[in-house]
Amino acid sequence: MLSSTTLLSGYAVLIYMGALFVVVLVSVLAPSRERRADAHKTLGILVRLRRR
């Protein structure tokens, strides 16, 4: 039971880090200013939620 919980937690962390990575890439590489601003706001929300 403990190993499956650990494995599930590990997968959740990988998915979360992957989402952060994609948002960071979009915020840096997006061609339009609006999209970069949206990605920057999303990144702020994700990081703020992580600190709680």
PDB file of N, CA and C in Angstrom:
ATOM      1  N   MET A   1       0.819  -1.193   0.000  1.00  0.00           N
ATOM      2  CA  MET A   1       0.000   0.000   0.000  1.00  0.00           C
ATOM      3  C   MET A   1       0.869   1.266   0.000  1.00  0.00           C
ATOM      4  N   LEU A   2       1.916   1.258   0.819  1.00  0.00           N
ATOM      5  CA  LEU A   2       2.774   2.437   0.924  1.00  0.00           C
ATOM      6  C   LEU A   2       3.520   2.696  -0.379  1.00  0.00           C
ATOM      7  N   SER A   3       3.978   1.646  -1.029  1.00  0.00           N
ATOM      8  CA  SER A   3       4.735   1.857  -2.265  1.00  0.00           C
ATOM      9  C   SER A   3       3.833   2.387  -3.377  1.00  0.00           C
ATOM     10  N   SER A   4       2.579   1.958  -3.429  1.00  0.00           N
ATOM     11  CA  SER A   4       1.681   2.484  -4.456  1.00  0.00           C
ATOM     12  C   SER A   4       1.347   3.949  -4.187  1.00  0.00           C
ATOM     13  N   THR A   5       1.244   4.328  -2.914  1.00  0.00           N
ATOM     14  CA  THR A   5       1.001   5.721  -2.561  1.00  0.00           C
ATOM     15  C   THR A   5       2.209   6.576  -2.936  1.00  0.00           C
ATOM     16  N   THR A   6       3.379   6.062  -2.671  1.00  0.00           N
ATOM     17  CA  THR A   6       4.608   6.769  -3.028  1.00  0.00           C
ATOM     18  C   THR A   6       4.720   6.915  -4.540  1.00  0.00           C
ATOM     19  N   LEU A   7       4.406   5.879  -5.253  1.00  0.00           N
ATOM     20  CA  LEU A   7       4.455   5.907  -6.715  1.00  0.00           C
ATOM     21  C   LEU A   7       3.450   6.912  -7.269  1.00  0.00           C
ATOM     22  N   LEU A   8       2.256   6.938  -6.733  1.00  0.00           N
ATOM     23  CA  LEU A   8       1.236   7.876  -7.168  1.00  0.00           C
ATOM     24  C   LEU A   8       1.661   9.317  -6.869  1.00  0.00           C
ATOM     25  N   SER A   9       2.253   9.541  -5.718  1.00  0.00           N
ATOM     26  CA  SER A   9       2.756  10.873  -5.376  1.00  0.00           C
ATOM     27  C   SER A   9       3.865  11.296  -6.332  1.00  0.00           C
ATOM     28  N   GLY A  10       4.726  10.372  -6.674  1.00  0.00           N
ATOM     29  CA  GLY A  10       5.798  10.658  -7.627  1.00  0.00           C
ATOM     30  C   GLY A  10       5.254  11.038  -8.991  1.00  0.00           C
ATOM     31  N   TYR A  11       4.236  10.326  -9.455  1.00  0.00           N
ATOM     32  CA  TYR A  11       3.614  10.663 -10.733  1.00  0.00           C
ATOM     33  C   TYR A  11       2.963  12.043 -10.681  1.00  0.00           C
ATOM     34  N   ALA A  12       2.312  12.359  -9.575  1.00  0.00           N
ATOM     35  CA  ALA A  12       1.675  13.668  -9.432  1.00  0.00           C
ATOM     36  C   ALA A  12       2.715  14.784  -9.491  1.00  0.00           C
ATOM     37  N   VAL A  13       3.852  14.574  -8.861  1.00  0.00           N
ATOM     38  CA  VAL A  13       4.925  15.574  -8.891  1.00  0.00           C
ATOM     39  C   VAL A  13       5.464  15.729 -10.313  1.00  0.00           C
ATOM     40  N   LEU A  14       5.634  14.630 -11.018  1.00  0.00           N
ATOM     41  CA  LEU A  14       6.129  14.709 -12.396  1.00  0.00           C
ATOM     42  C   LEU A  14       5.149  15.457 -13.300  1.00  0.00           C
ATOM     43  N   ILE A  15       3.864  15.212 -13.130  1.00  0.00           N
ATOM     44  CA  ILE A  15       2.857  15.905 -13.931  1.00  0.00           C
ATOM     45  C   ILE A  15       2.861  17.394 -13.604  1.00  0.00           C
ATOM     46  N   TYR A  16       2.952  17.719 -12.327  1.00  0.00           N
ATOM     47  CA  TYR A  16       2.971  19.120 -11.906  1.00  0.00           C
ATOM     48  C   TYR A  16       4.205  19.839 -12.443  1.00  0.00           C
ATOM     49  N   MET A  17       5.349  19.212 -12.341  1.00  0.00           N
ATOM     50  CA  MET A  17       6.579  19.827 -12.839  1.00  0.00           C
ATOM     51  C   MET A  17       6.537  19.965 -14.366  1.00  0.00           C
ATOM     52  N   GLY A  18       5.953  18.992 -15.044  1.00  0.00           N
ATOM     53  CA  GLY A  18       5.789  19.091 -16.492  1.00  0.00           C
ATOM     54  C   GLY A  18       4.898  20.267 -16.877  1.00  0.00           C
ATOM     55  N   ALA A  19       3.823  20.468 -16.118  1.00  0.00           N
ATOM     56  CA  ALA A  19       2.931  21.602 -16.384  1.00  0.00           C
ATOM     57  C   ALA A  19       3.664  22.918 -16.155  1.00  0.00           C
ATOM     58  N   LEU A  20       4.437  22.995 -15.083  1.00  0.00           N
ATOM     59  CA  LEU A  20       5.215  24.213 -14.831  1.00  0.00           C
ATOM     60  C   LEU A  20       6.201  24.478 -15.966  1.00  0.00           C
ATOM     61  N   PHE A  21       6.861  23.442 -16.433  1.00  0.00           N
ATOM     62  CA  PHE A  21       7.829  23.584 -17.510  1.00  0.00           C
ATOM     63  C   PHE A  21       7.170  24.110 -18.782  1.00  0.00           C
ATOM     64  N   VAL A  22       6.006  23.571 -19.129  1.00  0.00           N
ATOM     65  CA  VAL A  22       5.295  24.013 -20.331  1.00  0.00           C
ATOM     66  C   VAL A  22       4.870  25.470 -20.189  1.00  0.00           C
ATOM     67  N   VAL A  23       4.362  25.847 -19.023  1.00  0.00           N
ATOM     68  CA  VAL A  23       3.933  27.231 -18.813  1.00  0.00           C
ATOM     69  C   VAL A  23       5.124  28.179 -18.893  1.00  0.00           C
ATOM     70  N   VAL A  24       6.249  27.779 -18.337  1.00  0.00           N
ATOM     71  CA  VAL A  24       7.450  28.622 -18.421  1.00  0.00           C
ATOM     72  C   VAL A  24       7.890  28.771 -19.873  1.00  0.00           C
ATOM     73  N   LEU A  25       7.884  27.695 -20.625  1.00  0.00           N
ATOM     74  CA  LEU A  25       8.256  27.785 -22.041  1.00  0.00           C
ATOM     75  C   LEU A  25       7.326  28.712 -22.808  1.00  0.00           C
ATOM     76  N   VAL A  26       6.033  28.584 -22.574  1.00  0.00           N
ATOM     77  CA  VAL A  26       5.078  29.443 -23.269  1.00  0.00           C
ATOM     78  C   VAL A  26       5.279  30.899 -22.870  1.00  0.00           C
ATOM     79  N   SER A  27       5.534  31.130 -21.586  1.00  0.00           N
ATOM     80  CA  SER A  27       5.699  32.513 -21.141  1.00  0.00           C
ATOM     81  C   SER A  27       6.952  33.151 -21.724  1.00  0.00           C
ATOM     82  N   VAL A  28       7.918  32.357 -22.102  1.00  0.00           N
ATOM     83  CA  VAL A  28       9.151  32.894 -22.681  1.00  0.00           C
ATOM     84  C   VAL A  28       9.093  32.927 -24.209  1.00  0.00           C
ATOM     85  N   LEU A  29       8.512  31.905 -24.806  1.00  0.00           N
ATOM     86  CA  LEU A  29       8.605  31.746 -26.255  1.00  0.00           C
ATOM     87  C   LEU A  29       7.353  32.132 -27.041  1.00  0.00           C
ATOM     88  N   ALA A  30       6.280  32.497 -26.383  1.00  0.00           N
ATOM     89  CA  ALA A  30       5.041  32.815 -27.098  1.00  0.00           C
ATOM     90  C   ALA A  30       5.235  34.035 -27.993  1.00  0.00           C
ATOM     91  N   PRO A  31       4.675  33.994 -29.198  1.00  0.00           N
ATOM     92  CA  PRO A  31       4.877  35.101 -30.126  1.00  0.00           C
ATOM     93  C   PRO A  31       4.090  36.373 -29.772  1.00  0.00           C
ATOM     94  N   SER A  32       2.958  36.218 -29.119  1.00  0.00           N
ATOM     95  CA  SER A  32       2.157  37.410 -28.818  1.00  0.00           C
ATOM     96  C   SER A  32       2.316  37.819 -27.355  1.00  0.00           C
ATOM     97  N   ARG A  33       2.189  39.101 -27.133  1.00  0.00           N
ATOM     98  CA  ARG A  33       2.314  39.628 -25.776  1.00  0.00           C
ATOM     99  C   ARG A  33       1.212  39.128 -24.859  1.00  0.00           C
ATOM    100  N   GLU A  34       0.000  39.020 -25.383  1.00  0.00           N
ATOM    101  CA  GLU A  34      -1.134  38.557 -24.577  1.00  0.00           C
ATOM    102  C   GLU A  34      -0.912  37.141 -24.072  1.00  0.00           C
ATOM    103  N   ARG A  35      -0.446  36.295 -24.957  1.00  0.00           N
ATOM    104  CA  ARG A  35      -0.218  34.901 -24.564  1.00  0.00           C
ATOM    105  C   ARG A  35       0.890  34.791 -23.523  1.00  0.00           C
ATOM    106  N   ARG A  36       1.943  35.582 -23.695  1.00  0.00           N
ATOM    107  CA  ARG A  36       3.023  35.583 -22.699  1.00  0.00           C
ATOM    108  C   ARG A  36       2.513  36.081 -21.359  1.00  0.00           C
ATOM    109  N   ALA A  37       1.688  37.112 -21.373  1.00  0.00           N
ATOM    110  CA  ALA A  37       1.136  37.646 -20.127  1.00  0.00           C
ATOM    111  C   ALA A  37       0.235  36.620 -19.454  1.00  0.00           C
ATOM    112  N   ASP A  38      -0.591  35.933 -20.241  1.00  0.00           N
ATOM    113  CA  ASP A  38      -1.468  34.892 -19.683  1.00  0.00           C
ATOM    114  C   ASP A  38      -0.648  33.767 -19.064  1.00  0.00           C
ATOM    115  N   ALA A  39       0.413  33.353 -19.756  1.00  0.00           N
ATOM    116  CA  ALA A  39       1.258  32.284 -19.233  1.00  0.00           C
ATOM    117  C   ALA A  39       1.960  32.733 -17.957  1.00  0.00           C
ATOM    118  N   HIS A  40       2.373  33.992 -17.918  1.00  0.00           N
ATOM    119  CA  HIS A  40       3.032  34.515 -16.720  1.00  0.00           C
ATOM    120  C   HIS A  40       2.066  34.529 -15.535  1.00  0.00           C
ATOM    121  N   LYS A  41       0.825  34.913 -15.762  1.00  0.00           N
ATOM    122  CA  LYS A  41      -0.187  34.899 -14.697  1.00  0.00           C
ATOM    123  C   LYS A  41      -0.471  33.471 -14.235  1.00  0.00           C
ATOM    124  N   THR A  42      -0.569  32.552 -15.190  1.00  0.00           N
ATOM    125  CA  THR A  42      -0.802  31.150 -14.841  1.00  0.00           C
ATOM    126  C   THR A  42       0.341  30.602 -14.012  1.00  0.00           C
ATOM    127  N   LEU A  43       1.558  30.937 -14.375  1.00  0.00           N
ATOM    128  CA  LEU A  43       2.716  30.496 -13.614  1.00  0.00           C
ATOM    129  C   LEU A  43       2.657  31.039 -12.188  1.00  0.00           C
ATOM    130  N   GLY A  44       2.270  32.298 -12.053  1.00  0.00           N
ATOM    131  CA  GLY A  44       2.122  32.872 -10.712  1.00  0.00           C
ATOM    132  C   GLY A  44       1.086  32.137  -9.883  1.00  0.00           C
ATOM    133  N   ILE A  45      -0.015  31.757 -10.503  1.00  0.00           N
ATOM    134  CA  ILE A  45      -1.058  31.010  -9.790  1.00  0.00           C
ATOM    135  C   ILE A  45      -0.532  29.642  -9.370  1.00  0.00           C
ATOM    136  N   LEU A  46       0.146  28.942 -10.273  1.00  0.00           N
ATOM    137  CA  LEU A  46       0.653  27.605  -9.952  1.00  0.00           C
ATOM    138  C   LEU A  46       1.688  27.646  -8.838  1.00  0.00           C
ATOM    139  N   VAL A  47       2.567  28.620  -8.882  1.00  0.00           N
ATOM    140  CA  VAL A  47       3.605  28.710  -7.857  1.00  0.00           C
ATOM    141  C   VAL A  47       2.990  29.117  -6.522  1.00  0.00           C
ATOM    142  N   ARG A  48       2.019  30.021  -6.535  1.00  0.00           N
ATOM    143  CA  ARG A  48       1.350  30.438  -5.314  1.00  0.00           C
ATOM    144  C   ARG A  48       0.606  29.269  -4.676  1.00  0.00           C
ATOM    145  N   LEU A  49      -0.042  28.440  -5.482  1.00  0.00           N
ATOM    146  CA  LEU A  49      -0.756  27.280  -4.938  1.00  0.00           C
ATOM    147  C   LEU A  49       0.209  26.271  -4.336  1.00  0.00           C
ATOM    148  N   ARG A  50       1.383  26.168  -4.896  1.00  0.00           N
ATOM    149  CA  ARG A  50       2.371  25.205  -4.408  1.00  0.00           C
ATOM    150  C   ARG A  50       2.891  25.589  -3.021  1.00  0.00           C
ATOM    151  N   ARG A  51       2.994  26.885  -2.724  1.00  0.00           N
ATOM    152  CA  ARG A  51       3.544  27.325  -1.452  1.00  0.00           C
ATOM    153  C   ARG A  51       2.612  27.038  -0.281  1.00  0.00           C
ATOM    154  N   ARG A  52       1.333  26.919  -0.534  1.00  0.00           N
ATOM    155  CA  ARG A  52       0.369  26.706   0.550  1.00  0.00           C
ATOM    156  C   ARG A  52       0.434  25.350   1.084  1.00  0.00           C
TER     157      ARG A  52
END
